[in-house]
Amino acid sequence: MAQRSIIHLELPTRDRDASAAFYQAVFGWQIGRNSTHDYLYFEAQDGIRGGFPSPDDQGQREGEPLIYLASEDIEATLAAIEAHGGRCLIPKVEIPGVLSWAVFLDPAGNRLGLFTPAPPTSGK
């Protein structure tokens, strides 16, 4: 089984620009915006990446950060989660050419995500 690691973090907020400015000023995070998907994102110095979604996005609640764990096969990981007492909240969602993700509850009720970056395209 592939080892899971924290790969992405989302900090839901109603004022994404203010939150981004806060983390940039206090922690020195690099901030960017993907206008195609209206997504404000960050990269911390240690390589952790994430974003500032609106709390009304799927599975997002203000005041409840969402940690995403790396998964090479989201469907297989969700099957293992359910076989061991967890529960799928949001099945795999794919953003073609970008990433795939899902959200689950562990047996203790913690809400976490799974994340798989899209493979690099040839010629880039």
N, C-alpha and C. Protein backbone atom coordinates (compact mmCIF):
# COMPACT_ATOMS: atom_id res chain seq x y z
N MET A 1 0.85 -1.18 0.00
CA MET A 1 0.00 0.00 0.00
C MET A 1 0.89 1.24 0.00
N ALA A 2 0.54 2.21 -0.82
CA ALA A 2 1.32 3.44 -0.90
C ALA A 2 1.18 4.23 0.41
N GLN A 3 2.27 4.83 0.82
CA GLN A 3 2.26 5.63 2.03
C GLN A 3 1.50 6.93 1.76
N ARG A 4 0.65 7.34 2.66
CA ARG A 4 -0.12 8.56 2.52
C ARG A 4 0.64 9.71 3.18
N SER A 5 0.59 10.86 2.56
CA SER A 5 1.18 12.04 3.17
C SER A 5 0.24 13.22 2.94
N ILE A 6 0.40 14.23 3.75
CA ILE A 6 -0.40 15.44 3.58
C ILE A 6 0.08 16.12 2.32
N ILE A 7 -0.85 16.39 1.40
CA ILE A 7 -0.47 16.93 0.10
C ILE A 7 -1.12 18.27 -0.19
N HIS A 8 -2.24 18.58 0.48
CA HIS A 8 -2.99 19.79 0.17
C HIS A 8 -3.79 20.17 1.41
N LEU A 9 -3.99 21.47 1.60
CA LEU A 9 -4.72 21.99 2.75
C LEU A 9 -5.66 23.08 2.26
N GLU A 10 -6.90 23.03 2.68
CA GLU A 10 -7.84 24.10 2.32
C GLU A 10 -8.33 24.79 3.58
N LEU A 11 -8.32 26.12 3.51
CA LEU A 11 -8.75 26.96 4.62
C LEU A 11 -9.97 27.77 4.15
N PRO A 12 -11.19 27.24 4.34
CA PRO A 12 -12.39 27.91 3.87
C PRO A 12 -12.59 29.27 4.53
N THR A 13 -12.98 30.25 3.73
CA THR A 13 -13.17 31.60 4.25
C THR A 13 -14.14 32.36 3.36
N ARG A 14 -14.91 33.24 3.98
CA ARG A 14 -15.83 34.08 3.21
C ARG A 14 -15.08 35.22 2.52
N ASP A 15 -13.93 35.63 3.09
CA ASP A 15 -13.13 36.70 2.49
C ASP A 15 -11.78 36.13 2.10
N ARG A 16 -11.73 35.53 0.92
CA ARG A 16 -10.53 34.84 0.46
C ARG A 16 -9.33 35.77 0.33
N ASP A 17 -9.55 36.97 -0.20
CA ASP A 17 -8.44 37.91 -0.37
C ASP A 17 -7.84 38.32 0.97
N ALA A 18 -8.68 38.57 1.97
CA ALA A 18 -8.18 38.96 3.29
C ALA A 18 -7.41 37.80 3.94
N SER A 19 -7.93 36.59 3.79
CA SER A 19 -7.22 35.43 4.36
C SER A 19 -5.87 35.23 3.68
N ALA A 20 -5.84 35.35 2.36
CA ALA A 20 -4.58 35.20 1.63
C ALA A 20 -3.58 36.27 2.07
N ALA A 21 -4.04 37.50 2.22
CA ALA A 21 -3.15 38.59 2.66
C ALA A 21 -2.61 38.31 4.07
N PHE A 22 -3.45 37.78 4.95
CA PHE A 22 -3.02 37.44 6.31
C PHE A 22 -1.88 36.42 6.28
N TYR A 23 -2.08 35.30 5.58
CA TYR A 23 -1.06 34.25 5.57
C TYR A 23 0.20 34.67 4.82
N GLN A 24 0.04 35.53 3.83
CA GLN A 24 1.22 36.04 3.12
C GLN A 24 2.03 36.95 4.04
N ALA A 25 1.36 37.84 4.76
CA ALA A 25 2.06 38.79 5.64
C ALA A 25 2.68 38.11 6.85
N VAL A 26 1.95 37.20 7.47
CA VAL A 26 2.42 36.59 8.72
C VAL A 26 3.39 35.44 8.47
N PHE A 27 3.12 34.59 7.47
CA PHE A 27 3.92 33.39 7.26
C PHE A 27 4.74 33.40 5.98
N GLY A 28 4.59 34.42 5.16
CA GLY A 28 5.37 34.53 3.94
C GLY A 28 4.94 33.59 2.82
N TRP A 29 3.69 33.08 2.88
CA TRP A 29 3.22 32.18 1.83
C TRP A 29 3.11 32.91 0.51
N GLN A 30 3.44 32.22 -0.57
CA GLN A 30 3.25 32.75 -1.92
C GLN A 30 1.79 32.54 -2.31
N ILE A 31 1.17 33.56 -2.87
CA ILE A 31 -0.25 33.52 -3.20
C ILE A 31 -0.42 33.61 -4.71
N GLY A 32 -1.36 32.86 -5.24
CA GLY A 32 -1.68 32.92 -6.67
C GLY A 32 -3.17 32.74 -6.88
N ARG A 33 -3.60 33.00 -8.09
CA ARG A 33 -5.03 32.86 -8.41
C ARG A 33 -5.17 32.11 -9.72
N ASN A 34 -6.00 31.07 -9.71
CA ASN A 34 -6.35 30.36 -10.93
C ASN A 34 -7.70 30.91 -11.37
N SER A 35 -7.68 31.78 -12.37
CA SER A 35 -8.92 32.44 -12.79
C SER A 35 -9.87 31.49 -13.49
N THR A 36 -9.34 30.44 -14.11
CA THR A 36 -10.21 29.47 -14.79
C THR A 36 -11.17 28.81 -13.81
N HIS A 37 -10.67 28.47 -12.62
CA HIS A 37 -11.48 27.78 -11.63
C HIS A 37 -11.85 28.69 -10.45
N ASP A 38 -11.58 30.00 -10.56
CA ASP A 38 -11.84 30.97 -9.49
C ASP A 38 -11.32 30.43 -8.16
N TYR A 39 -10.03 30.08 -8.14
CA TYR A 39 -9.43 29.46 -6.97
C TYR A 39 -8.22 30.26 -6.53
N LEU A 40 -8.24 30.74 -5.31
CA LEU A 40 -7.12 31.45 -4.72
C LEU A 40 -6.29 30.42 -3.95
N TYR A 41 -5.00 30.32 -4.29
CA TYR A 41 -4.18 29.26 -3.71
C TYR A 41 -2.91 29.81 -3.08
N PHE A 42 -2.22 28.95 -2.32
CA PHE A 42 -0.96 29.33 -1.67
C PHE A 42 0.04 28.21 -1.79
N GLU A 43 1.30 28.58 -1.59
CA GLU A 43 2.37 27.60 -1.42
C GLU A 43 3.24 28.10 -0.28
N ALA A 44 3.36 27.26 0.75
CA ALA A 44 4.20 27.58 1.90
C ALA A 44 5.66 27.22 1.58
N GLN A 45 6.58 27.76 2.36
CA GLN A 45 8.01 27.52 2.12
C GLN A 45 8.38 26.05 2.19
N ASP A 46 7.65 25.26 2.97
CA ASP A 46 7.98 23.84 3.11
C ASP A 46 7.36 22.98 2.01
N GLY A 47 6.71 23.63 1.04
CA GLY A 47 6.16 22.91 -0.10
C GLY A 47 4.70 22.55 0.03
N ILE A 48 4.11 22.70 1.21
CA ILE A 48 2.67 22.43 1.36
C ILE A 48 1.92 23.45 0.52
N ARG A 49 0.95 22.94 -0.23
CA ARG A 49 0.12 23.81 -1.07
C ARG A 49 -1.33 23.67 -0.64
N GLY A 50 -2.10 24.67 -0.98
CA GLY A 50 -3.51 24.62 -0.64
C GLY A 50 -4.24 25.82 -1.19
N GLY A 51 -5.39 26.08 -0.62
CA GLY A 51 -6.17 27.19 -1.12
C GLY A 51 -7.17 27.71 -0.12
N PHE A 52 -7.89 28.72 -0.58
CA PHE A 52 -8.87 29.42 0.23
C PHE A 52 -10.24 29.32 -0.47
N PRO A 53 -10.92 28.17 -0.35
CA PRO A 53 -12.23 28.04 -0.99
C PRO A 53 -13.31 28.78 -0.22
N SER A 54 -14.39 29.09 -0.89
CA SER A 54 -15.56 29.65 -0.22
C SER A 54 -16.21 28.55 0.61
N PRO A 55 -16.78 28.90 1.76
CA PRO A 55 -17.39 27.87 2.60
C PRO A 55 -18.59 27.19 1.97
N ASP A 56 -19.15 27.74 0.92
CA ASP A 56 -20.29 27.10 0.28
C ASP A 56 -19.87 26.12 -0.82
N ASP A 57 -18.56 25.99 -1.07
CA ASP A 57 -18.07 24.99 -2.01
C ASP A 57 -18.32 23.60 -1.42
N GLN A 58 -18.30 22.58 -2.26
CA GLN A 58 -18.57 21.22 -1.78
C GLN A 58 -17.68 20.83 -0.62
N GLY A 59 -18.31 20.45 0.46
CA GLY A 59 -17.58 19.92 1.61
C GLY A 59 -16.82 20.95 2.42
N GLN A 60 -16.98 22.23 2.15
CA GLN A 60 -16.21 23.26 2.84
C GLN A 60 -17.06 23.97 3.88
N ARG A 61 -16.48 24.14 5.09
CA ARG A 61 -17.16 24.85 6.17
C ARG A 61 -16.16 25.83 6.78
N GLU A 62 -16.55 27.09 6.88
CA GLU A 62 -15.66 28.09 7.46
C GLU A 62 -15.30 27.68 8.89
N GLY A 63 -14.03 27.83 9.24
CA GLY A 63 -13.56 27.45 10.57
C GLY A 63 -13.17 25.99 10.67
N GLU A 64 -13.28 25.25 9.57
CA GLU A 64 -12.92 23.83 9.57
C GLU A 64 -11.96 23.54 8.42
N PRO A 65 -10.65 23.71 8.65
CA PRO A 65 -9.68 23.37 7.59
C PRO A 65 -9.86 21.93 7.15
N LEU A 66 -9.55 21.69 5.89
CA LEU A 66 -9.66 20.35 5.33
C LEU A 66 -8.28 19.90 4.86
N ILE A 67 -7.80 18.83 5.46
CA ILE A 67 -6.50 18.25 5.11
C ILE A 67 -6.72 17.17 4.07
N TYR A 68 -5.93 17.22 2.99
CA TYR A 68 -6.00 16.21 1.94
C TYR A 68 -4.78 15.30 2.02
N LEU A 69 -5.03 14.00 1.97
CA LEU A 69 -3.98 13.01 1.98
C LEU A 69 -3.76 12.51 0.55
N ALA A 70 -2.51 12.26 0.21
CA ALA A 70 -2.17 11.79 -1.13
C ALA A 70 -2.73 10.38 -1.34
N SER A 71 -3.25 10.13 -2.53
CA SER A 71 -3.76 8.82 -2.88
C SER A 71 -3.48 8.57 -4.35
N GLU A 72 -2.87 7.44 -4.65
CA GLU A 72 -2.60 7.09 -6.05
C GLU A 72 -3.87 6.59 -6.74
N ASP A 73 -4.83 6.06 -5.97
CA ASP A 73 -6.06 5.50 -6.52
C ASP A 73 -7.19 5.82 -5.55
N ILE A 74 -7.90 6.90 -5.80
CA ILE A 74 -8.92 7.38 -4.87
C ILE A 74 -10.02 6.34 -4.63
N GLU A 75 -10.50 5.69 -5.71
CA GLU A 75 -11.56 4.69 -5.53
C GLU A 75 -11.11 3.55 -4.62
N ALA A 76 -9.90 3.06 -4.83
CA ALA A 76 -9.38 1.96 -3.99
C ALA A 76 -9.20 2.42 -2.55
N THR A 77 -8.73 3.66 -2.37
CA THR A 77 -8.55 4.17 -1.02
C THR A 77 -9.90 4.33 -0.32
N LEU A 78 -10.92 4.84 -1.05
CA LEU A 78 -12.25 4.96 -0.45
C LEU A 78 -12.81 3.59 -0.07
N ALA A 79 -12.56 2.58 -0.89
CA ALA A 79 -13.01 1.22 -0.56
C ALA A 79 -12.34 0.74 0.73
N ALA A 80 -11.05 1.00 0.87
CA ALA A 80 -10.33 0.60 2.08
C ALA A 80 -10.84 1.37 3.30
N ILE A 81 -11.12 2.65 3.11
CA ILE A 81 -11.66 3.47 4.20
C ILE A 81 -12.98 2.88 4.69
N GLU A 82 -13.88 2.56 3.76
CA GLU A 82 -15.18 2.02 4.14
C GLU A 82 -15.06 0.62 4.74
N ALA A 83 -14.09 -0.17 4.27
CA ALA A 83 -13.88 -1.51 4.82
C ALA A 83 -13.36 -1.47 6.25
N HIS A 84 -12.79 -0.33 6.63
CA HIS A 84 -12.21 -0.20 7.97
C HIS A 84 -13.00 0.76 8.86
N GLY A 85 -14.26 0.99 8.52
CA GLY A 85 -15.12 1.76 9.42
C GLY A 85 -15.28 3.23 9.10
N GLY A 86 -14.64 3.71 8.03
CA GLY A 86 -14.83 5.10 7.62
C GLY A 86 -16.01 5.22 6.68
N ARG A 87 -16.28 6.45 6.23
CA ARG A 87 -17.43 6.67 5.35
C ARG A 87 -17.10 7.73 4.31
N CYS A 88 -17.46 7.46 3.08
CA CYS A 88 -17.27 8.42 2.00
C CYS A 88 -18.34 9.50 2.11
N LEU A 89 -17.92 10.77 2.09
CA LEU A 89 -18.87 11.89 2.10
C LEU A 89 -19.08 12.45 0.71
N ILE A 90 -17.99 12.60 -0.03
CA ILE A 90 -18.05 13.08 -1.41
C ILE A 90 -17.19 12.14 -2.24
N PRO A 91 -17.81 11.41 -3.17
CA PRO A 91 -17.02 10.49 -4.00
C PRO A 91 -16.07 11.26 -4.91
N LYS A 92 -15.22 10.54 -5.57
CA LYS A 92 -14.20 11.13 -6.43
C LYS A 92 -14.78 12.16 -7.39
N VAL A 93 -14.14 13.33 -7.39
CA VAL A 93 -14.46 14.41 -8.32
C VAL A 93 -13.19 14.65 -9.13
N GLU A 94 -13.31 14.74 -10.44
CA GLU A 94 -12.15 14.95 -11.28
C GLU A 94 -12.23 16.31 -11.96
N ILE A 95 -11.13 17.06 -11.88
CA ILE A 95 -10.97 18.27 -12.66
C ILE A 95 -9.95 17.89 -13.74
N PRO A 96 -10.44 17.60 -14.95
CA PRO A 96 -9.57 17.04 -15.99
C PRO A 96 -8.29 17.86 -16.21
N GLY A 97 -7.17 17.15 -16.22
CA GLY A 97 -5.88 17.78 -16.43
C GLY A 97 -5.32 18.51 -15.23
N VAL A 98 -6.07 18.51 -14.11
CA VAL A 98 -5.61 19.25 -12.92
C VAL A 98 -5.45 18.31 -11.72
N LEU A 99 -6.55 17.69 -11.28
CA LEU A 99 -6.51 16.86 -10.08
C LEU A 99 -7.80 16.08 -9.93
N SER A 100 -7.78 15.13 -8.98
CA SER A 100 -8.97 14.43 -8.53
C SER A 100 -8.99 14.50 -7.01
N TRP A 101 -10.19 14.50 -6.44
CA TRP A 101 -10.31 14.58 -4.98
C TRP A 101 -11.58 13.90 -4.51
N ALA A 102 -11.63 13.62 -3.21
CA ALA A 102 -12.81 13.05 -2.55
C ALA A 102 -12.72 13.46 -1.08
N VAL A 103 -13.83 13.31 -0.35
CA VAL A 103 -13.85 13.64 1.08
C VAL A 103 -14.46 12.46 1.83
N PHE A 104 -13.88 12.16 3.01
CA PHE A 104 -14.35 11.03 3.81
C PHE A 104 -14.33 11.37 5.29
N LEU A 105 -15.02 10.54 6.07
CA LEU A 105 -14.96 10.59 7.53
C LEU A 105 -14.20 9.38 8.01
N ASP A 106 -13.26 9.58 8.94
CA ASP A 106 -12.61 8.42 9.55
C ASP A 106 -13.55 7.87 10.63
N PRO A 107 -13.22 6.72 11.24
CA PRO A 107 -14.13 6.15 12.24
C PRO A 107 -14.39 7.06 13.45
N ALA A 108 -13.49 7.99 13.73
CA ALA A 108 -13.69 8.91 14.86
C ALA A 108 -14.51 10.14 14.48
N GLY A 109 -14.86 10.27 13.19
CA GLY A 109 -15.66 11.40 12.74
C GLY A 109 -14.86 12.57 12.19
N ASN A 110 -13.55 12.40 12.01
CA ASN A 110 -12.73 13.45 11.42
C ASN A 110 -12.96 13.50 9.92
N ARG A 111 -13.17 14.70 9.39
CA ARG A 111 -13.39 14.90 7.96
C ARG A 111 -12.04 15.18 7.30
N LEU A 112 -11.68 14.36 6.30
CA LEU A 112 -10.42 14.50 5.57
C LEU A 112 -10.69 14.32 4.08
N GLY A 113 -9.72 14.70 3.28
CA GLY A 113 -9.85 14.54 1.84
C GLY A 113 -8.77 13.63 1.29
N LEU A 114 -9.01 13.17 0.07
CA LEU A 114 -8.01 12.45 -0.72
C LEU A 114 -7.71 13.30 -1.93
N PHE A 115 -6.47 13.24 -2.42
CA PHE A 115 -6.03 14.14 -3.47
C PHE A 115 -5.06 13.41 -4.39
N THR A 116 -5.30 13.50 -5.69
CA THR A 116 -4.39 12.95 -6.68
C THR A 116 -4.16 14.01 -7.75
N PRO A 117 -2.93 14.53 -7.86
CA PRO A 117 -2.65 15.47 -8.96
C PRO A 117 -2.76 14.75 -10.30
N ALA A 118 -3.15 15.47 -11.32
CA ALA A 118 -3.18 14.89 -12.67
C ALA A 118 -1.76 14.60 -13.10
N PRO A 119 -1.55 13.51 -13.84
CA PRO A 119 -0.20 13.23 -14.33
C PRO A 119 0.25 14.31 -15.28
N PRO A 120 1.56 14.60 -15.31
CA PRO A 120 2.05 15.61 -16.24
C PRO A 120 1.75 15.20 -17.68
N THR A 121 1.44 16.17 -18.50
CA THR A 121 1.20 15.89 -19.91
C THR A 121 2.53 15.83 -20.63
N SER A 122 2.60 15.02 -21.66
CA SER A 122 3.85 14.90 -22.42
C SER A 122 4.14 16.19 -23.17
N GLY A 123 5.40 16.48 -23.30
CA GLY A 123 5.82 17.68 -24.03
C GLY A 123 5.90 18.91 -23.19
N LYS A 124 5.67 18.78 -21.87
CA LYS A 124 5.78 19.96 -20.99
C LYS A 124 6.86 19.76 -19.99
